[in-house]
Amino acid sequence: MTEEMKYEVTGRIWDVEHSHYPAVAVAGVSGLTEIVAFGYLSRYISGENPGRRKNPMTTPVLISEKIPMTAPVISNTSTMSLMMPR
């Protein structure tokens, strides 16, 4: 079963929900495709980490993508992170 982090909805604009999460630790990777990034994170929570500790899968999975502010700047850098369980 996937643990879902508790959060508070703080507002809504059209179909966008604004939420507040408590301070949490995250495991994240940057600069990879989503499938490769998820593979690294999956192995990390499966015990391939410095402490050899297995962690349950949590939601949400956070994916951020840098969006260029001016043209013609293009960025392919993105970050995928998993919230770590309590």
PDB file of N, CA and C in Angstrom:
ATOM      1  N   MET A   1       0.843  -1.185   0.000  1.00  0.00           N
ATOM      2  CA  MET A   1       0.000   0.000   0.000  1.00  0.00           C
ATOM      3  C   MET A   1       0.884   1.242   0.000  1.00  0.00           C
ATOM      4  N   THR A   2       0.497   2.241  -0.733  1.00  0.00           N
ATOM      5  CA  THR A   2       1.248   3.475  -0.853  1.00  0.00           C
ATOM      6  C   THR A   2       0.805   4.458   0.216  1.00  0.00           C
ATOM      7  N   GLU A   3       1.786   4.997   0.960  1.00  0.00           N
ATOM      8  CA  GLU A   3       1.481   5.994   1.977  1.00  0.00           C
ATOM      9  C   GLU A   3       1.293   7.349   1.307  1.00  0.00           C
ATOM     10  N   GLU A   4       0.203   8.039   1.641  1.00  0.00           N
ATOM     11  CA  GLU A   4      -0.030   9.369   1.085  1.00  0.00           C
ATOM     12  C   GLU A   4       0.280  10.405   2.152  1.00  0.00           C
ATOM     13  N   MET A   5       1.106  11.373   1.804  1.00  0.00           N
ATOM     14  CA  MET A   5       1.449  12.432   2.735  1.00  0.00           C
ATOM     15  C   MET A   5       0.208  13.266   3.036  1.00  0.00           C
ATOM     16  N   LYS A   6       0.030  13.626   4.304  1.00  0.00           N
ATOM     17  CA  LYS A   6      -1.101  14.468   4.702  1.00  0.00           C
ATOM     18  C   LYS A   6      -0.814  15.906   4.270  1.00  0.00           C
ATOM     19  N   TYR A   7      -1.846  16.604   3.834  1.00  0.00           N
ATOM     20  CA  TYR A   7      -1.682  17.988   3.397  1.00  0.00           C
ATOM     21  C   TYR A   7      -2.972  18.751   3.646  1.00  0.00           C
ATOM     22  N   GLU A   8      -2.858  20.076   3.563  1.00  0.00           N
ATOM     23  CA  GLU A   8      -4.003  20.952   3.751  1.00  0.00           C
ATOM     24  C   GLU A   8      -4.214  21.761   2.472  1.00  0.00           C
ATOM     25  N   VAL A   9      -5.428  21.759   1.961  1.00  0.00           N
ATOM     26  CA  VAL A   9      -5.751  22.575   0.789  1.00  0.00           C
ATOM     27  C   VAL A   9      -5.883  24.014   1.282  1.00  0.00           C
ATOM     28  N   THR A  10      -5.081  24.913   0.701  1.00  0.00           N
ATOM     29  CA  THR A  10      -5.068  26.306   1.150  1.00  0.00           C
ATOM     30  C   THR A  10      -5.770  27.249   0.177  1.00  0.00           C
ATOM     31  N   GLY A  11      -6.138  26.760  -0.980  1.00  0.00           N
ATOM     32  CA  GLY A  11      -6.842  27.610  -1.937  1.00  0.00           C
ATOM     33  C   GLY A  11      -7.034  26.897  -3.257  1.00  0.00           C
ATOM     34  N   ARG A  12      -7.781  27.556  -4.132  1.00  0.00           N
ATOM     35  CA  ARG A  12      -8.074  26.982  -5.434  1.00  0.00           C
ATOM     36  C   ARG A  12      -8.259  28.128  -6.432  1.00  0.00           C
ATOM     37  N   ILE A  13      -7.627  27.995  -7.580  1.00  0.00           N
ATOM     38  CA  ILE A  13      -7.831  28.935  -8.678  1.00  0.00           C
ATOM     39  C   ILE A  13      -8.170  28.088  -9.898  1.00  0.00           C
ATOM     40  N   TRP A  14      -9.383  28.234 -10.392  1.00  0.00           N
ATOM     41  CA  TRP A  14      -9.906  27.405 -11.476  1.00  0.00           C
ATOM     42  C   TRP A  14      -9.723  25.940 -11.107  1.00  0.00           C
ATOM     43  N   ASP A  15      -9.004  25.166 -11.918  1.00  0.00           N
ATOM     44  CA  ASP A  15      -8.811  23.745 -11.630  1.00  0.00           C
ATOM     45  C   ASP A  15      -7.516  23.459 -10.886  1.00  0.00           C
ATOM     46  N   VAL A  16      -6.824  24.494 -10.435  1.00  0.00           N
ATOM     47  CA  VAL A  16      -5.541  24.322  -9.753  1.00  0.00           C
ATOM     48  C   VAL A  16      -5.750  24.408  -8.253  1.00  0.00           C
ATOM     49  N   GLU A  17      -5.316  23.376  -7.552  1.00  0.00           N
ATOM     50  CA  GLU A  17      -5.432  23.322  -6.101  1.00  0.00           C
ATOM     51  C   GLU A  17      -4.104  23.716  -5.469  1.00  0.00           C
ATOM     52  N   HIS A  18      -4.132  24.629  -4.525  1.00  0.00           N
ATOM     53  CA  HIS A  18      -2.942  25.021  -3.773  1.00  0.00           C
ATOM     54  C   HIS A  18      -2.950  24.230  -2.475  1.00  0.00           C
ATOM     55  N   SER A  19      -1.861  23.555  -2.193  1.00  0.00           N
ATOM     56  CA  SER A  19      -1.793  22.702  -1.006  1.00  0.00           C
ATOM     57  C   SER A  19      -0.574  23.033  -0.172  1.00  0.00           C
ATOM     58  N   HIS A  20      -0.677  22.795   1.125  1.00  0.00           N
ATOM     59  CA  HIS A  20       0.452  22.972   2.038  1.00  0.00           C
ATOM     60  C   HIS A  20       0.793  21.615   2.631  1.00  0.00           C
ATOM     61  N   TYR A  21       2.051  21.202   2.471  1.00  0.00           N
ATOM     62  CA  TYR A  21       2.551  19.963   3.047  1.00  0.00           C
ATOM     63  C   TYR A  21       3.454  20.309   4.216  1.00  0.00           C
ATOM     64  N   PRO A  22       3.503  19.461   5.245  1.00  0.00           N
ATOM     65  CA  PRO A  22       4.463  19.703   6.321  1.00  0.00           C
ATOM     66  C   PRO A  22       5.877  19.469   5.793  1.00  0.00           C
ATOM     67  N   ALA A  23       6.876  19.897   6.563  1.00  0.00           N
ATOM     68  CA  ALA A  23       8.270  19.663   6.157  1.00  0.00           C
ATOM     69  C   ALA A  23       8.507  18.164   6.033  1.00  0.00           C
ATOM     70  N   VAL A  24       9.090  17.764   4.909  1.00  0.00           N
ATOM     71  CA  VAL A  24       9.367  16.351   4.666  1.00  0.00           C
ATOM     72  C   VAL A  24      10.746  16.215   4.030  1.00  0.00           C
ATOM     73  N   ALA A  25      11.303  15.024   4.130  1.00  0.00           N
ATOM     74  CA  ALA A  25      12.544  14.704   3.424  1.00  0.00           C
ATOM     75  C   ALA A  25      12.156  14.123   2.074  1.00  0.00           C
ATOM     76  N   VAL A  26      12.948  14.435   1.052  1.00  0.00           N
ATOM     77  CA  VAL A  26      12.694  13.883  -0.275  1.00  0.00           C
ATOM     78  C   VAL A  26      13.965  13.253  -0.821  1.00  0.00           C
ATOM     79  N   ALA A  27      13.794  12.262  -1.665  1.00  0.00           N
ATOM     80  CA  ALA A  27      14.898  11.682  -2.435  1.00  0.00           C
ATOM     81  C   ALA A  27      14.625  12.088  -3.865  1.00  0.00           C
ATOM     82  N   GLY A  28      15.608  12.723  -4.529  1.00  0.00           N
ATOM     83  CA  GLY A  28      15.357  13.214  -5.875  1.00  0.00           C
ATOM     84  C   GLY A  28      16.558  13.064  -6.792  1.00  0.00           C
ATOM     85  N   VAL A  29      16.284  13.042  -8.081  1.00  0.00           N
ATOM     86  CA  VAL A  29      17.319  13.008  -9.108  1.00  0.00           C
ATOM     87  C   VAL A  29      16.966  14.047 -10.165  1.00  0.00           C
ATOM     88  N   SER A  30      18.004  14.597 -10.791  1.00  0.00           N
ATOM     89  CA  SER A  30      17.798  15.645 -11.791  1.00  0.00           C
ATOM     90  C   SER A  30      18.511  15.317 -13.093  1.00  0.00           C
ATOM     91  N   GLY A  31      17.979  15.869 -14.181  1.00  0.00           N
ATOM     92  CA  GLY A  31      18.649  15.812 -15.464  1.00  0.00           C
ATOM     93  C   GLY A  31      18.507  14.510 -16.227  1.00  0.00           C
ATOM     94  N   LEU A  32      17.545  13.673 -15.846  1.00  0.00           N
ATOM     95  CA  LEU A  32      17.332  12.386 -16.510  1.00  0.00           C
ATOM     96  C   LEU A  32      15.922  12.327 -17.071  1.00  0.00           C
ATOM     97  N   THR A  33      15.679  11.408 -17.973  1.00  0.00           N
ATOM     98  CA  THR A  33      14.309  11.209 -18.438  1.00  0.00           C
ATOM     99  C   THR A  33      13.483  10.677 -17.277  1.00  0.00           C
ATOM    100  N   GLU A  34      12.169  10.829 -17.354  1.00  0.00           N
ATOM    101  CA  GLU A  34      11.297  10.393 -16.257  1.00  0.00           C
ATOM    102  C   GLU A  34      11.455   8.905 -15.964  1.00  0.00           C
ATOM    103  N   ILE A  35      11.555   8.065 -16.981  1.00  0.00           N
ATOM    104  CA  ILE A  35      11.651   6.619 -16.762  1.00  0.00           C
ATOM    105  C   ILE A  35      12.965   6.257 -16.080  1.00  0.00           C
ATOM    106  N   VAL A  36      14.066   6.880 -16.476  1.00  0.00           N
ATOM    107  CA  VAL A  36      15.364   6.609 -15.855  1.00  0.00           C
ATOM    108  C   VAL A  36      15.373   7.142 -14.428  1.00  0.00           C
ATOM    109  N   ALA A  37      14.849   8.349 -14.217  1.00  0.00           N
ATOM    110  CA  ALA A  37      14.787   8.942 -12.878  1.00  0.00           C
ATOM    111  C   ALA A  37      13.971   8.057 -11.942  1.00  0.00           C
ATOM    112  N   PHE A  38      12.807   7.581 -12.410  1.00  0.00           N
ATOM    113  CA  PHE A  38      11.975   6.725 -11.568  1.00  0.00           C
ATOM    114  C   PHE A  38      12.693   5.424 -11.235  1.00  0.00           C
ATOM    115  N   GLY A  39      13.471   4.894 -12.175  1.00  0.00           N
ATOM    116  CA  GLY A  39      14.241   3.679 -11.912  1.00  0.00           C
ATOM    117  C   GLY A  39      15.229   3.871 -10.781  1.00  0.00           C
ATOM    118  N   TYR A  40      15.958   4.996 -10.794  1.00  0.00           N
ATOM    119  CA  TYR A  40      16.895   5.299  -9.709  1.00  0.00           C
ATOM    120  C   TYR A  40      16.168   5.406  -8.375  1.00  0.00           C
ATOM    121  N   LEU A  41      15.053   6.137  -8.359  1.00  0.00           N
ATOM    122  CA  LEU A  41      14.312   6.319  -7.112  1.00  0.00           C
ATOM    123  C   LEU A  41      13.699   5.015  -6.621  1.00  0.00           C
ATOM    124  N   SER A  42      13.232   4.191  -7.541  1.00  0.00           N
ATOM    125  CA  SER A  42      12.667   2.900  -7.180  1.00  0.00           C
ATOM    126  C   SER A  42      13.716   2.016  -6.511  1.00  0.00           C
ATOM    127  N   ARG A  43      14.914   1.997  -7.094  1.00  0.00           N
ATOM    128  CA  ARG A  43      15.992   1.207  -6.483  1.00  0.00           C
ATOM    129  C   ARG A  43      16.378   1.778  -5.117  1.00  0.00           C
ATOM    130  N   TYR A  44      16.382   3.104  -5.001  1.00  0.00           N
ATOM    131  CA  TYR A  44      16.730   3.744  -3.725  1.00  0.00           C
ATOM    132  C   TYR A  44      15.770   3.303  -2.617  1.00  0.00           C
ATOM    133  N   ILE A  45      14.457   3.386  -2.874  1.00  0.00           N
ATOM    134  CA  ILE A  45      13.511   3.011  -1.820  1.00  0.00           C
ATOM    135  C   ILE A  45      13.443   1.500  -1.626  1.00  0.00           C
ATOM    136  N   SER A  46      13.968   0.726  -2.585  1.00  0.00           N
ATOM    137  CA  SER A  46      13.995  -0.737  -2.456  1.00  0.00           C
ATOM    138  C   SER A  46      15.204  -1.221  -1.657  1.00  0.00           C
ATOM    139  N   GLY A  47      16.044  -0.288  -1.187  1.00  0.00           N
ATOM    140  CA  GLY A  47      17.161  -0.668  -0.339  1.00  0.00           C
ATOM    141  C   GLY A  47      18.535  -0.395  -0.914  1.00  0.00           C
ATOM    142  N   GLU A  48      18.611   0.077  -2.164  1.00  0.00           N
ATOM    143  CA  GLU A  48      19.903   0.412  -2.756  1.00  0.00           C
ATOM    144  C   GLU A  48      20.244   1.853  -2.367  1.00  0.00           C
ATOM    145  N   ASN A  49      20.543   2.052  -1.071  1.00  0.00           N
ATOM    146  CA  ASN A  49      20.894   3.352  -0.523  1.00  0.00           C
ATOM    147  C   ASN A  49      21.969   3.147   0.536  1.00  0.00           C
ATOM    148  N   PRO A  50      22.634   4.204   1.002  1.00  0.00           N
ATOM    149  CA  PRO A  50      23.744   4.036   1.937  1.00  0.00           C
ATOM    150  C   PRO A  50      23.413   3.212   3.188  1.00  0.00           C
ATOM    151  N   GLY A  51      22.201   3.341   3.723  1.00  0.00           N
ATOM    152  CA  GLY A  51      21.825   2.585   4.916  1.00  0.00           C
ATOM    153  C   GLY A  51      21.234   1.219   4.623  1.00  0.00           C
ATOM    154  N   ARG A  52      21.123   0.862   3.333  1.00  0.00           N
ATOM    155  CA  ARG A  52      20.491  -0.405   2.920  1.00  0.00           C
ATOM    156  C   ARG A  52      19.097  -0.553   3.522  1.00  0.00           C
ATOM    157  N   ARG A  53      18.421   0.584   3.692  1.00  0.00           N
ATOM    158  CA  ARG A  53      17.103   0.606   4.318  1.00  0.00           C
ATOM    159  C   ARG A  53      16.018   0.663   3.251  1.00  0.00           C
ATOM    160  N   LYS A  54      15.038  -0.231   3.369  1.00  0.00           N
ATOM    161  CA  LYS A  54      13.900  -0.205   2.448  1.00  0.00           C
ATOM    162  C   LYS A  54      12.889   0.809   2.962  1.00  0.00           C
ATOM    163  N   ASN A  55      12.287   1.554   2.039  1.00  0.00           N
ATOM    164  CA  ASN A  55      11.283   2.559   2.368  1.00  0.00           C
ATOM    165  C   ASN A  55      10.043   2.296   1.538  1.00  0.00           C
ATOM    166  N   PRO A  56       8.857   2.455   2.124  1.00  0.00           N
ATOM    167  CA  PRO A  56       7.649   2.252   1.329  1.00  0.00           C
ATOM    168  C   PRO A  56       7.478   3.364   0.297  1.00  0.00           C
ATOM    169  N   MET A  57       6.793   3.048  -0.780  1.00  0.00           N
ATOM    170  CA  MET A  57       6.475   4.036  -1.808  1.00  0.00           C
ATOM    171  C   MET A  57       5.520   5.051  -1.198  1.00  0.00           C
ATOM    172  N   THR A  58       5.695   6.318  -1.516  1.00  0.00           N
ATOM    173  CA  THR A  58       4.809   7.366  -1.029  1.00  0.00           C
ATOM    174  C   THR A  58       4.246   8.161  -2.197  1.00  0.00           C
ATOM    175  N   THR A  59       3.161   8.860  -1.934  1.00  0.00           N
ATOM    176  CA  THR A  59       2.623   9.796  -2.914  1.00  0.00           C
ATOM    177  C   THR A  59       2.533  11.143  -2.234  1.00  0.00           C
ATOM    178  N   PRO A  60       2.668  12.216  -2.945  1.00  0.00           N
ATOM    179  CA  PRO A  60       2.812  12.275  -4.391  1.00  0.00           C
ATOM    180  C   PRO A  60       4.261  12.114  -4.836  1.00  0.00           C
ATOM    181  N   VAL A  61       4.441  11.739  -6.094  1.00  0.00           N
ATOM    182  CA  VAL A  61       5.751  11.796  -6.741  1.00  0.00           C
ATOM    183  C   VAL A  61       5.826  13.207  -7.316  1.00  0.00           C
ATOM    184  N   LEU A  62       6.889  13.925  -6.983  1.00  0.00           N
ATOM    185  CA  LEU A  62       7.022  15.310  -7.435  1.00  0.00           C
ATOM    186  C   LEU A  62       7.878  15.365  -8.688  1.00  0.00           C
ATOM    187  N   ILE A  63       7.391  16.045  -9.698  1.00  0.00           N
ATOM    188  CA  ILE A  63       8.151  16.227 -10.938  1.00  0.00           C
ATOM    189  C   ILE A  63       8.157  17.719 -11.242  1.00  0.00           C
ATOM    190  N   SER A  64       9.354  18.285 -11.297  1.00  0.00           N
ATOM    191  CA  SER A  64       9.455  19.700 -11.643  1.00  0.00           C
ATOM    192  C   SER A  64      10.255  19.825 -12.923  1.00  0.00           C
ATOM    193  N   GLU A  65       9.897  20.803 -13.694  1.00  0.00           N
ATOM    194  CA  GLU A  65      10.593  21.033 -14.954  1.00  0.00           C
ATOM    195  C   GLU A  65      10.903  22.513 -15.057  1.00  0.00           C
ATOM    196  N   LYS A  66      12.148  22.822 -15.399  1.00  0.00           N
ATOM    197  CA  LYS A  66      12.520  24.217 -15.581  1.00  0.00           C
ATOM    198  C   LYS A  66      11.938  24.712 -16.898  1.00  0.00           C
ATOM    199  N   ILE A  67      11.250  25.824 -16.845  1.00  0.00           N
ATOM    200  CA  ILE A  67      10.654  26.414 -18.033  1.00  0.00           C
ATOM    201  C   ILE A  67      11.417  27.696 -18.336  1.00  0.00           C
ATOM    202  N   PRO A  68      11.962  27.802 -19.531  1.00  0.00           N
ATOM    203  CA  PRO A  68      12.725  29.000 -19.870  1.00  0.00           C
ATOM    204  C   PRO A  68      11.849  30.252 -19.828  1.00  0.00           C
ATOM    205  N   MET A  69      12.417  31.344 -19.321  1.00  0.00           N
ATOM    206  CA  MET A  69      11.680  32.598 -19.225  1.00  0.00           C
ATOM    207  C   MET A  69      11.792  33.441 -20.490  1.00  0.00           C
ATOM    208  N   THR A  70      12.878  33.247 -21.249  1.00  0.00           N
ATOM    209  CA  THR A  70      13.050  34.023 -22.470  1.00  0.00           C
ATOM    210  C   THR A  70      13.456  33.102 -23.608  1.00  0.00           C
ATOM    211  N   ALA A  71      13.053  33.423 -24.793  1.00  0.00           N
ATOM    212  CA  ALA A  71      13.439  32.633 -25.966  1.00  0.00           C
ATOM    213  C   ALA A  71      14.754  33.175 -26.489  1.00  0.00           C
ATOM    214  N   PRO A  72      15.597  32.400 -27.057  1.00  0.00           N
ATOM    215  CA  PRO A  72      15.467  31.001 -27.431  1.00  0.00           C
ATOM    216  C   PRO A  72      16.076  30.035 -26.420  1.00  0.00           C
ATOM    217  N   VAL A  73      16.130  30.377 -25.129  1.00  0.00           N
ATOM    218  CA  VAL A  73      16.702  29.476 -24.132  1.00  0.00           C
ATOM    219  C   VAL A  73      15.831  28.239 -24.024  1.00  0.00           C
ATOM    220  N   ILE A  74      16.462  27.071 -24.086  1.00  0.00           N
ATOM    221  CA  ILE A  74      15.739  25.802 -23.958  1.00  0.00           C
ATOM    222  C   ILE A  74      16.426  24.990 -22.881  1.00  0.00           C
ATOM    223  N   SER A  75      15.658  24.397 -21.971  1.00  0.00           N
ATOM    224  CA  SER A  75      16.218  23.595 -20.903  1.00  0.00           C
ATOM    225  C   SER A  75      15.535  22.238 -20.869  1.00  0.00           C
ATOM    226  N   ASN A  76      16.311  21.187 -20.838  1.00  0.00           N
ATOM    227  CA  ASN A  76      15.755  19.843 -20.715  1.00  0.00           C
ATOM    228  C   ASN A  76      15.899  19.308 -19.293  1.00  0.00           C
ATOM    229  N   THR A  77      16.337  20.163 -18.373  1.00  0.00           N
ATOM    230  CA  THR A  77      16.576  19.715 -17.010  1.00  0.00           C
ATOM    231  C   THR A  77      15.262  19.596 -16.252  1.00  0.00           C
ATOM    232  N   SER A  78      15.056  18.457 -15.643  1.00  0.00           N
ATOM    233  CA  SER A  78      13.878  18.248 -14.802  1.00  0.00           C
ATOM    234  C   SER A  78      14.311  17.479 -13.568  1.00  0.00           C
ATOM    235  N   THR A  79      13.490  17.509 -12.539  1.00  0.00           N
ATOM    236  CA  THR A  79      13.772  16.803 -11.295  1.00  0.00           C
ATOM    237  C   THR A  79      12.566  15.961 -10.920  1.00  0.00           C
ATOM    238  N   MET A  80      12.819  14.717 -10.484  1.00  0.00           N
ATOM    239  CA  MET A  80      11.760  13.866  -9.964  1.00  0.00           C
ATOM    240  C   MET A  80      12.138  13.511  -8.533  1.00  0.00           C
ATOM    241  N   SER A  81      11.176  13.645  -7.618  1.00  0.00           N
ATOM    242  CA  SER A  81      11.451  13.366  -6.205  1.00  0.00           C
ATOM    243  C   SER A  81      10.325  12.543  -5.598  1.00  0.00           C
ATOM    244  N   LEU A  82      10.694  11.697  -4.656  1.00  0.00           N
ATOM    245  CA  LEU A  82       9.733  10.944  -3.855  1.00  0.00           C
ATOM    246  C   LEU A  82       9.777  11.488  -2.443  1.00  0.00           C
ATOM    247  N   MET A  83       8.620  11.729  -1.871  1.00  0.00           N
ATOM    248  CA  MET A  83       8.565  12.128  -0.464  1.00  0.00           C
ATOM    249  C   MET A  83       8.877  10.886   0.367  1.00  0.00           C
ATOM    250  N   MET A  84       9.753  11.046   1.336  1.00  0.00           N
ATOM    251  CA  MET A  84      10.116   9.916   2.179  1.00  0.00           C
ATOM    252  C   MET A  84       9.082   9.749   3.293  1.00  0.00           C
ATOM    253  N   PRO A  85       8.817   8.526   3.704  1.00  0.00           N
ATOM    254  CA  PRO A  85       7.803   8.285   4.740  1.00  0.00           C
ATOM    255  C   PRO A  85       8.246   8.831   6.093  1.00  0.00           C
ATOM    256  N   ARG A  86       7.272   9.004   6.980  1.00  0.00           N
ATOM    257  CA  ARG A  86       7.575   9.477   8.331  1.00  0.00           C
ATOM    258  C   ARG A  86       8.617   8.607   8.900  1.00  0.00           C
TER     259      ARG A  86
END
